[in-house]
Amino acid sequence: MRRIVAAIAALFLLTFVLTACSDYSTSAAGDEAVPFDTSLAVVPVMENASLEPQIIINGFEYTTPDSVSPGQVVAIRNNGSAQHSVTSDMAGMFNRTVPPGEVGSFTAPAQAGNYTFHCMYHPSMHGTLKVK
């Protein structure tokens, strides 16, 4: 009886291994692979796959989105080589520090309006976030 159980177990294991390693793909006649010229392919680079609006910092300048919705998450991408912040000129609205090469985010104010901001590390940096 032990031999029968061992033979069935070995057969089951062999069947499992063989089916796991086999290729089930089939192709109909005339359904052959066509070479694809990858030099012509357009592949989008998505560094931040989200669809959040972004404030981008390059050097010591802000690039802001045209507008954002109230309460929307706003990404901050610091492409510069220095630490920067996006700090609302109106105390308590938003304040986010982003190290060089990093991405941060904050939530836009709930009320529509124009919100001026600055970098607390570099007094010459200013921007405006339009919430509508």
Foldseek 3Di string as FASTA:
>chain_A
DVVVVVVVVVVVVVVVVVVVPDDPDDDDVPRDDDDDDCVPDDDDDPPPPDPAWEFEAAAQETDGDPAAEAFGKYKYAACYQAKWWWAWPPPPQDIDIAGHRGMDIDTHHNDFDKTKTATPVDRVYIDIHGYD
